[in-house]
Amino acid sequence: MPGMRATDAVRGTEGASGEGFAAALGRAVDGTQALQAESKTFAIKAVTGELTDIHAATIASSRAQVTLELVAAIRNKGVDAFNEIMRMQA
């Protein structure tokens, strides 16, 4: 289109909240680390006999596992997309 620059096509990539993909991914990684730390705390309490609520520990462990799997899947898709772009340029 006349008058359209290469950067014009990329301006709409931010979400409705105005944050970019990198910021959202960073928040997801930070959240994963927080959930892993919470799960680790519950595990230590379980080993030392200080755990009073087994349900909270089980839920924390499951949430940490599912979130880690999600972040790993997003990373794998990103690597696959990068590799596909590199193949297209070759």
PDB file of N, CA and C in Angstrom:
ATOM      1  N   MET A   1       0.835  -1.171   0.000  1.00  0.00           N
ATOM      2  CA  MET A   1       0.000   0.000   0.000  1.00  0.00           C
ATOM      3  C   MET A   1       0.882   1.237   0.000  1.00  0.00           C
ATOM      4  N   PRO A   2       0.467   2.267  -0.714  1.00  0.00           N
ATOM      5  CA  PRO A   2       1.263   3.488  -0.728  1.00  0.00           C
ATOM      6  C   PRO A   2       1.305   4.120   0.660  1.00  0.00           C
ATOM      7  N   GLY A   3       2.477   4.560   1.042  1.00  0.00           N
ATOM      8  CA  GLY A   3       2.631   5.241   2.316  1.00  0.00           C
ATOM      9  C   GLY A   3       2.743   4.313   3.516  1.00  0.00           C
ATOM     10  N   MET A   4       2.679   3.025   3.293  1.00  0.00           N
ATOM     11  CA  MET A   4       2.770   2.082   4.411  1.00  0.00           C
ATOM     12  C   MET A   4       4.219   1.668   4.590  1.00  0.00           C
ATOM     13  N   ARG A   5       4.698   1.796   5.803  1.00  0.00           N
ATOM     14  CA  ARG A   5       6.069   1.391   6.092  1.00  0.00           C
ATOM     15  C   ARG A   5       6.054   0.004   6.723  1.00  0.00           C
ATOM     16  N   ALA A   6       7.202  -0.620   6.793  1.00  0.00           N
ATOM     17  CA  ALA A   6       7.295  -1.974   7.353  1.00  0.00           C
ATOM     18  C   ALA A   6       6.878  -2.008   8.820  1.00  0.00           C
ATOM     19  N   THR A   7       7.144  -0.945   9.552  1.00  0.00           N
ATOM     20  CA  THR A   7       6.798  -0.943  10.975  1.00  0.00           C
ATOM     21  C   THR A   7       5.317  -0.706  11.206  1.00  0.00           C
ATOM     22  N   ASP A   8       4.595  -0.197  10.225  1.00  0.00           N
ATOM     23  CA  ASP A   8       3.161   0.033  10.386  1.00  0.00           C
ATOM     24  C   ASP A   8       2.405  -1.269  10.597  1.00  0.00           C
ATOM     25  N   ALA A   9       2.850  -2.330   9.988  1.00  0.00           N
ATOM     26  CA  ALA A   9       2.150  -3.605  10.084  1.00  0.00           C
ATOM     27  C   ALA A   9       2.314  -4.241  11.463  1.00  0.00           C
ATOM     28  N   VAL A  10       3.329  -3.838  12.199  1.00  0.00           N
ATOM     29  CA  VAL A  10       3.629  -4.474  13.471  1.00  0.00           C
ATOM     30  C   VAL A  10       2.986  -3.746  14.651  1.00  0.00           C
ATOM     31  N   ARG A  11       2.480  -2.575  14.460  1.00  0.00           N
ATOM     32  CA  ARG A  11       1.959  -1.780  15.568  1.00  0.00           C
ATOM     33  C   ARG A  11       0.794  -2.437  16.285  1.00  0.00           C
ATOM     34  N   GLY A  12       0.017  -3.261  15.645  1.00  0.00           N
ATOM     35  CA  GLY A  12      -1.149  -3.872  16.272  1.00  0.00           C
ATOM     36  C   GLY A  12      -0.852  -5.154  17.028  1.00  0.00           C
ATOM     37  N   THR A  13       0.415  -5.451  17.292  1.00  0.00           N
ATOM     38  CA  THR A  13       0.748  -6.710  17.947  1.00  0.00           C
ATOM     39  C   THR A  13       0.601  -6.675  19.454  1.00  0.00           C
ATOM     40  N   GLU A  14       0.378  -5.509  20.031  1.00  0.00           N
ATOM     41  CA  GLU A  14       0.186  -5.443  21.474  1.00  0.00           C
ATOM     42  C   GLU A  14      -1.234  -5.832  21.816  1.00  0.00           C
ATOM     43  N   GLY A  15      -1.408  -6.450  22.987  1.00  0.00           N
ATOM     44  CA  GLY A  15      -2.730  -6.882  23.421  1.00  0.00           C
ATOM     45  C   GLY A  15      -3.599  -5.709  23.813  1.00  0.00           C
ATOM     46  N   ALA A  16      -4.807  -6.010  24.225  1.00  0.00           N
ATOM     47  CA  ALA A  16      -5.755  -4.977  24.605  1.00  0.00           C
ATOM     48  C   ALA A  16      -5.255  -4.163  25.791  1.00  0.00           C
ATOM     49  N   SER A  17      -4.448  -4.754  26.642  1.00  0.00           N
ATOM     50  CA  SER A  17      -3.940  -4.037  27.806  1.00  0.00           C
ATOM     51  C   SER A  17      -2.733  -3.183  27.449  1.00  0.00           C
ATOM     52  N   GLY A  18      -2.224  -3.294  26.233  1.00  0.00           N
ATOM     53  CA  GLY A  18      -1.098  -2.489  25.795  1.00  0.00           C
ATOM     54  C   GLY A  18       0.255  -3.115  26.085  1.00  0.00           C
ATOM     55  N   GLU A  19       0.296  -4.314  26.631  1.00  0.00           N
ATOM     56  CA  GLU A  19       1.575  -4.940  26.904  1.00  0.00           C
ATOM     57  C   GLU A  19       1.956  -5.853  25.745  1.00  0.00           C
ATOM     58  N   GLY A  20       3.232  -5.953  25.490  1.00  0.00           N
ATOM     59  CA  GLY A  20       3.710  -6.779  24.409  1.00  0.00           C
ATOM     60  C   GLY A  20       3.889  -8.227  24.824  1.00  0.00           C
ATOM     61  N   PHE A  21       4.260  -9.031  23.856  1.00  0.00           N
ATOM     62  CA  PHE A  21       4.443 -10.462  24.102  1.00  0.00           C
ATOM     63  C   PHE A  21       5.573 -10.716  25.089  1.00  0.00           C
ATOM     64  N   ALA A  22       6.663  -9.962  24.954  1.00  0.00           N
ATOM     65  CA  ALA A  22       7.808 -10.167  25.843  1.00  0.00           C
ATOM     66  C   ALA A  22       7.434  -9.899  27.298  1.00  0.00           C
ATOM     67  N   ALA A  23       6.650  -8.859  27.533  1.00  0.00           N
ATOM     68  CA  ALA A  23       6.228  -8.542  28.904  1.00  0.00           C
ATOM     69  C   ALA A  23       5.313  -9.629  29.450  1.00  0.00           C
ATOM     70  N   ALA A  24       4.405 -10.114  28.619  1.00  0.00           N
ATOM     71  CA  ALA A  24       3.496 -11.178  29.057  1.00  0.00           C
ATOM     72  C   ALA A  24       4.267 -12.461  29.348  1.00  0.00           C
ATOM     73  N   LEU A  25       5.240 -12.771  28.516  1.00  0.00           N
ATOM     74  CA  LEU A  25       6.055 -13.964  28.737  1.00  0.00           C
ATOM     75  C   LEU A  25       6.895 -13.815  30.003  1.00  0.00           C
ATOM     76  N   GLY A  26       7.422 -12.632  30.224  1.00  0.00           N
ATOM     77  CA  GLY A  26       8.192 -12.373  31.444  1.00  0.00           C
ATOM     78  C   GLY A  26       7.351 -12.546  32.693  1.00  0.00           C
ATOM     79  N   ARG A  27       6.109 -12.053  32.636  1.00  0.00           N
ATOM     80  CA  ARG A  27       5.198 -12.227  33.768  1.00  0.00           C
ATOM     81  C   ARG A  27       4.887 -13.703  33.998  1.00  0.00           C
ATOM     82  N   ALA A  28       4.724 -14.457  32.910  1.00  0.00           N
ATOM     83  CA  ALA A  28       4.436 -15.892  33.031  1.00  0.00           C
ATOM     84  C   ALA A  28       5.604 -16.627  33.681  1.00  0.00           C
ATOM     85  N   VAL A  29       6.819 -16.278  33.297  1.00  0.00           N
ATOM     86  CA  VAL A  29       8.001 -16.915  33.894  1.00  0.00           C
ATOM     87  C   VAL A  29       8.108 -16.543  35.370  1.00  0.00           C
ATOM     88  N   ASP A  30       7.874 -15.270  35.691  1.00  0.00           N
ATOM     89  CA  ASP A  30       7.906 -14.844  37.095  1.00  0.00           C
ATOM     90  C   ASP A  30       6.848 -15.577  37.914  1.00  0.00           C
ATOM     91  N   GLY A  31       5.661 -15.722  37.351  1.00  0.00           N
ATOM     92  CA  GLY A  31       4.597 -16.448  38.034  1.00  0.00           C
ATOM     93  C   GLY A  31       4.948 -17.906  38.248  1.00  0.00           C
ATOM     94  N   THR A  32       5.599 -18.496  37.260  1.00  0.00           N
ATOM     95  CA  THR A  32       6.027 -19.889  37.376  1.00  0.00           C
ATOM     96  C   THR A  32       7.043 -20.042  38.501  1.00  0.00           C
ATOM     97  N   GLN A  33       7.978 -19.106  38.570  1.00  0.00           N
ATOM     98  CA  GLN A  33       8.978 -19.163  39.638  1.00  0.00           C
ATOM     99  C   GLN A  33       8.332 -19.017  41.012  1.00  0.00           C
ATOM    100  N   ALA A  34       7.339 -18.145  41.120  1.00  0.00           N
ATOM    101  CA  ALA A  34       6.644 -17.963  42.399  1.00  0.00           C
ATOM    102  C   ALA A  34       5.894 -19.232  42.798  1.00  0.00           C
ATOM    103  N   LEU A  35       5.232 -19.858  41.831  1.00  0.00           N
ATOM    104  CA  LEU A  35       4.509 -21.100  42.124  1.00  0.00           C
ATOM    105  C   LEU A  35       5.466 -22.229  42.506  1.00  0.00           C
ATOM    106  N   GLN A  36       6.623 -22.283  41.846  1.00  0.00           N
ATOM    107  CA  GLN A  36       7.623 -23.299  42.188  1.00  0.00           C
ATOM    108  C   GLN A  36       8.137 -23.082  43.612  1.00  0.00           C
ATOM    109  N   ALA A  37       8.356 -21.818  43.988  1.00  0.00           N
ATOM    110  CA  ALA A  37       8.832 -21.515  45.341  1.00  0.00           C
ATOM    111  C   ALA A  37       7.785 -21.898  46.387  1.00  0.00           C
ATOM    112  N   GLU A  38       6.517 -21.608  46.087  1.00  0.00           N
ATOM    113  CA  GLU A  38       5.438 -21.969  47.010  1.00  0.00           C
ATOM    114  C   GLU A  38       5.357 -23.490  47.174  1.00  0.00           C
ATOM    115  N   SER A  39       5.470 -24.205  46.069  1.00  0.00           N
ATOM    116  CA  SER A  39       5.425 -25.666  46.111  1.00  0.00           C
ATOM    117  C   SER A  39       6.605 -26.222  46.908  1.00  0.00           C
ATOM    118  N   LYS A  40       7.766 -25.615  46.714  1.00  0.00           N
ATOM    119  CA  LYS A  40       8.958 -26.053  47.449  1.00  0.00           C
ATOM    120  C   LYS A  40       8.775 -25.835  48.951  1.00  0.00           C
ATOM    121  N   THR A  41       8.178 -24.706  49.326  1.00  0.00           N
ATOM    122  CA  THR A  41       7.926 -24.421  50.740  1.00  0.00           C
ATOM    123  C   THR A  41       7.017 -25.480  51.353  1.00  0.00           C
ATOM    124  N   PHE A  42       5.955 -25.830  50.632  1.00  0.00           N
ATOM    125  CA  PHE A  42       5.054 -26.872  51.127  1.00  0.00           C
ATOM    126  C   PHE A  42       5.770 -28.217  51.227  1.00  0.00           C
ATOM    127  N   ALA A  43       6.637 -28.521  50.269  1.00  0.00           N
ATOM    128  CA  ALA A  43       7.369 -29.790  50.294  1.00  0.00           C
ATOM    129  C   ALA A  43       8.300 -29.854  51.502  1.00  0.00           C
ATOM    130  N   ILE A  44       8.964 -28.753  51.794  1.00  0.00           N
ATOM    131  CA  ILE A  44       9.854 -28.716  52.960  1.00  0.00           C
ATOM    132  C   ILE A  44       9.054 -28.898  54.244  1.00  0.00           C
ATOM    133  N   LYS A  45       7.897 -28.241  54.318  1.00  0.00           N
ATOM    134  CA  LYS A  45       7.040 -28.398  55.500  1.00  0.00           C
ATOM    135  C   LYS A  45       6.566 -29.846  55.643  1.00  0.00           C
ATOM    136  N   ALA A  46       6.285 -30.494  54.519  1.00  0.00           N
ATOM    137  CA  ALA A  46       5.835 -31.889  54.570  1.00  0.00           C
ATOM    138  C   ALA A  46       6.941 -32.802  55.089  1.00  0.00           C
ATOM    139  N   VAL A  47       8.160 -32.567  54.651  1.00  0.00           N
ATOM    140  CA  VAL A  47       9.285 -33.404  55.068  1.00  0.00           C
ATOM    141  C   VAL A  47       9.610 -33.196  56.546  1.00  0.00           C
ATOM    142  N   THR A  48       9.491 -31.958  57.009  1.00  0.00           N
ATOM    143  CA  THR A  48       9.835 -31.668  58.407  1.00  0.00           C
ATOM    144  C   THR A  48       8.684 -31.922  59.369  1.00  0.00           C
ATOM    145  N   GLY A  49       7.515 -32.267  58.847  1.00  0.00           N
ATOM    146  CA  GLY A  49       6.372 -32.559  59.698  1.00  0.00           C
ATOM    147  C   GLY A  49       5.578 -31.336  60.123  1.00  0.00           C
ATOM    148  N   GLU A  50       5.841 -30.191  59.514  1.00  0.00           N
ATOM    149  CA  GLU A  50       5.153 -28.950  59.866  1.00  0.00           C
ATOM    150  C   GLU A  50       3.913 -28.696  59.016  1.00  0.00           C
ATOM    151  N   LEU A  51       3.646 -29.553  58.057  1.00  0.00           N
ATOM    152  CA  LEU A  51       2.527 -29.344  57.137  1.00  0.00           C
ATOM    153  C   LEU A  51       1.206 -29.650  57.836  1.00  0.00           C
ATOM    154  N   THR A  52       0.280 -28.694  57.773  1.00  0.00           N
ATOM    155  CA  THR A  52      -1.024 -28.884  58.410  1.00  0.00           C
ATOM    156  C   THR A  52      -2.139 -29.081  57.393  1.00  0.00           C
ATOM    157  N   ASP A  53      -1.929 -28.629  56.156  1.00  0.00           N
ATOM    158  CA  ASP A  53      -2.980 -28.712  55.136  1.00  0.00           C
ATOM    159  C   ASP A  53      -2.440 -29.413  53.893  1.00  0.00           C
ATOM    160  N   ILE A  54      -2.669 -30.702  53.796  1.00  0.00           N
ATOM    161  CA  ILE A  54      -2.164 -31.484  52.664  1.00  0.00           C
ATOM    162  C   ILE A  54      -2.829 -31.075  51.357  1.00  0.00           C
ATOM    163  N   HIS A  55      -4.064 -30.608  51.436  1.00  0.00           N
ATOM    164  CA  HIS A  55      -4.770 -30.203  50.217  1.00  0.00           C
ATOM    165  C   HIS A  55      -4.113 -28.983  49.582  1.00  0.00           C
ATOM    166  N   ALA A  56      -3.736 -28.017  50.389  1.00  0.00           N
ATOM    167  CA  ALA A  56      -3.066 -26.821  49.865  1.00  0.00           C
ATOM    168  C   ALA A  56      -1.734 -27.192  49.229  1.00  0.00           C
ATOM    169  N   ALA A  57      -1.018 -28.130  49.839  1.00  0.00           N
ATOM    170  CA  ALA A  57       0.260 -28.567  49.283  1.00  0.00           C
ATOM    171  C   ALA A  57       0.065 -29.271  47.946  1.00  0.00           C
ATOM    172  N   THR A  58      -0.948 -30.117  47.860  1.00  0.00           N
ATOM    173  CA  THR A  58      -1.230 -30.833  46.615  1.00  0.00           C
ATOM    174  C   THR A  58      -1.633 -29.864  45.510  1.00  0.00           C
ATOM    175  N   ILE A  59      -2.474 -28.909  45.843  1.00  0.00           N
ATOM    176  CA  ILE A  59      -2.911 -27.917  44.853  1.00  0.00           C
ATOM    177  C   ILE A  59      -1.731 -27.072  44.390  1.00  0.00           C
ATOM    178  N   ALA A  60      -0.891 -26.635  45.320  1.00  0.00           N
ATOM    179  CA  ALA A  60       0.276 -25.824  44.957  1.00  0.00           C
ATOM    180  C   ALA A  60       1.216 -26.596  44.045  1.00  0.00           C
ATOM    181  N   SER A  61       1.422 -27.865  44.343  1.00  0.00           N
ATOM    182  CA  SER A  61       2.290 -28.695  43.517  1.00  0.00           C
ATOM    183  C   SER A  61       1.716 -28.871  42.113  1.00  0.00           C
ATOM    184  N   SER A  62       0.421 -29.118  42.030  1.00  0.00           N
ATOM    185  CA  SER A  62      -0.229 -29.296  40.724  1.00  0.00           C
ATOM    186  C   SER A  62      -0.198 -28.013  39.908  1.00  0.00           C
ATOM    187  N   ARG A  63      -0.474 -26.885  40.554  1.00  0.00           N
ATOM    188  CA  ARG A  63      -0.444 -25.598  39.845  1.00  0.00           C
ATOM    189  C   ARG A  63       0.950 -25.312  39.307  1.00  0.00           C
ATOM    190  N   ALA A  64       1.980 -25.574  40.117  1.00  0.00           N
ATOM    191  CA  ALA A  64       3.351 -25.340  39.685  1.00  0.00           C
ATOM    192  C   ALA A  64       3.705 -26.236  38.502  1.00  0.00           C
ATOM    193  N   GLN A  65       3.283 -27.491  38.549  1.00  0.00           N
ATOM    194  CA  GLN A  65       3.589 -28.428  37.467  1.00  0.00           C
ATOM    195  C   GLN A  65       2.905 -28.017  36.164  1.00  0.00           C
ATOM    196  N   VAL A  66       1.625 -27.689  36.232  1.00  0.00           N
ATOM    197  CA  VAL A  66       0.876 -27.317  35.029  1.00  0.00           C
ATOM    198  C   VAL A  66       1.424 -26.021  34.434  1.00  0.00           C
ATOM    199  N   THR A  67       1.746 -25.063  35.290  1.00  0.00           N
ATOM    200  CA  THR A  67       2.278 -23.793  34.798  1.00  0.00           C
ATOM    201  C   THR A  67       3.635 -23.987  34.144  1.00  0.00           C
ATOM    202  N   LEU A  68       4.479 -24.809  34.737  1.00  0.00           N
ATOM    203  CA  LEU A  68       5.785 -25.087  34.145  1.00  0.00           C
ATOM    204  C   LEU A  68       5.634 -25.768  32.787  1.00  0.00           C
ATOM    205  N   GLU A  69       4.715 -26.708  32.681  1.00  0.00           N
ATOM    206  CA  GLU A  69       4.470 -27.374  31.397  1.00  0.00           C
ATOM    207  C   GLU A  69       3.973 -26.383  30.348  1.00  0.00           C
ATOM    208  N   LEU A  70       3.124 -25.439  30.755  1.00  0.00           N
ATOM    209  CA  LEU A  70       2.618 -24.430  29.826  1.00  0.00           C
ATOM    210  C   LEU A  70       3.734 -23.521  29.332  1.00  0.00           C
ATOM    211  N   VAL A  71       4.578 -23.044  30.237  1.00  0.00           N
ATOM    212  CA  VAL A  71       5.684 -22.172  29.838  1.00  0.00           C
ATOM    213  C   VAL A  71       6.656 -22.930  28.935  1.00  0.00           C
ATOM    214  N   ALA A  72       6.913 -24.191  29.233  1.00  0.00           N
ATOM    215  CA  ALA A  72       7.795 -24.995  28.381  1.00  0.00           C
ATOM    216  C   ALA A  72       7.191 -25.189  26.993  1.00  0.00           C
ATOM    217  N   ALA A  73       5.877 -25.395  26.918  1.00  0.00           N
ATOM    218  CA  ALA A  73       5.215 -25.549  25.616  1.00  0.00           C
ATOM    219  C   ALA A  73       5.289 -24.258  24.810  1.00  0.00           C
ATOM    220  N   ILE A  74       5.113 -23.119  25.477  1.00  0.00           N
ATOM    221  CA  ILE A  74       5.223 -21.830  24.785  1.00  0.00           C
ATOM    222  C   ILE A  74       6.640 -21.637  24.266  1.00  0.00           C
ATOM    223  N   ARG A  75       7.622 -21.986  25.086  1.00  0.00           N
ATOM    224  CA  ARG A  75       9.012 -21.880  24.651  1.00  0.00           C
ATOM    225  C   ARG A  75       9.269 -22.769  23.439  1.00  0.00           C
ATOM    226  N   ASN A  76       8.784 -24.003  23.484  1.00  0.00           N
ATOM    227  CA  ASN A  76       8.982 -24.929  22.369  1.00  0.00           C
ATOM    228  C   ASN A  76       8.336 -24.416  21.092  1.00  0.00           C
ATOM    229  N   LYS A  77       7.138 -23.839  21.203  1.00  0.00           N
ATOM    230  CA  LYS A  77       6.473 -23.278  20.021  1.00  0.00           C
ATOM    231  C   LYS A  77       7.260 -22.095  19.475  1.00  0.00           C
ATOM    232  N   GLY A  78       7.828 -21.287  20.361  1.00  0.00           N
ATOM    233  CA  GLY A  78       8.652 -20.159  19.924  1.00  0.00           C
ATOM    234  C   GLY A  78       9.894 -20.620  19.185  1.00  0.00           C
ATOM    235  N   VAL A  79      10.539 -21.648  19.700  1.00  0.00           N
ATOM    236  CA  VAL A  79      11.722 -22.206  19.035  1.00  0.00           C
ATOM    237  C   VAL A  79      11.334 -22.800  17.686  1.00  0.00           C
ATOM    238  N   ASP A  80      10.218 -23.509  17.627  1.00  0.00           N
ATOM    239  CA  ASP A  80       9.747 -24.071  16.355  1.00  0.00           C
ATOM    240  C   ASP A  80       9.464 -22.971  15.338  1.00  0.00           C
ATOM    241  N   ALA A  81       8.837 -21.881  15.790  1.00  0.00           N
ATOM    242  CA  ALA A  81       8.539 -20.765  14.888  1.00  0.00           C
ATOM    243  C   ALA A  81       9.827 -20.129  14.385  1.00  0.00           C
ATOM    244  N   PHE A  82      10.797 -19.949  15.269  1.00  0.00           N
ATOM    245  CA  PHE A  82      12.084 -19.389  14.867  1.00  0.00           C
ATOM    246  C   PHE A  82      12.762 -20.279  13.837  1.00  0.00           C
ATOM    247  N   ASN A  83      12.781 -21.583  14.087  1.00  0.00           N
ATOM    248  CA  ASN A  83      13.404 -22.515  13.143  1.00  0.00           C
ATOM    249  C   ASN A  83      12.697 -22.493  11.791  1.00  0.00           C
ATOM    250  N   GLU A  84      11.378 -22.387  11.798  1.00  0.00           N
ATOM    251  CA  GLU A  84      10.625 -22.315  10.540  1.00  0.00           C
ATOM    252  C   GLU A  84      10.969 -21.045   9.769  1.00  0.00           C
ATOM    253  N   ILE A  85      11.097 -19.937  10.470  1.00  0.00           N
ATOM    254  CA  ILE A  85      11.481 -18.679   9.812  1.00  0.00           C
ATOM    255  C   ILE A  85      12.874 -18.808   9.214  1.00  0.00           C
ATOM    256  N   MET A  86      13.794 -19.436   9.930  1.00  0.00           N
ATOM    257  CA  MET A  86      15.149 -19.619   9.413  1.00  0.00           C
ATOM    258  C   MET A  86      15.137 -20.513   8.172  1.00  0.00           C
ATOM    259  N   ARG A  87      14.289 -21.536   8.156  1.00  0.00           N
ATOM    260  CA  ARG A  87      14.191 -22.404   6.972  1.00  0.00           C
ATOM    261  C   ARG A  87      13.628 -21.636   5.778  1.00  0.00           C
ATOM    262  N   MET A  88      12.667 -20.747   6.039  1.00  0.00           N
ATOM    263  CA  MET A  88      12.072 -19.978   4.937  1.00  0.00           C
ATOM    264  C   MET A  88      13.070 -18.999   4.341  1.00  0.00           C
ATOM    265  N   GLN A  89      14.001 -18.504   5.138  1.00  0.00           N
ATOM    266  CA  GLN A  89      14.977 -17.535   4.646  1.00  0.00           C
ATOM    267  C   GLN A  89      16.112 -18.202   3.888  1.00  0.00           C
ATOM    268  N   ALA A  90      16.304 -19.492   4.097  1.00  0.00           N
ATOM    269  CA  ALA A  90      17.415 -20.196   3.446  1.00  0.00           C
ATOM    270  C   ALA A  90      17.131 -20.472   1.995  1.00  0.00           C
TER     271      ALA A  90
END
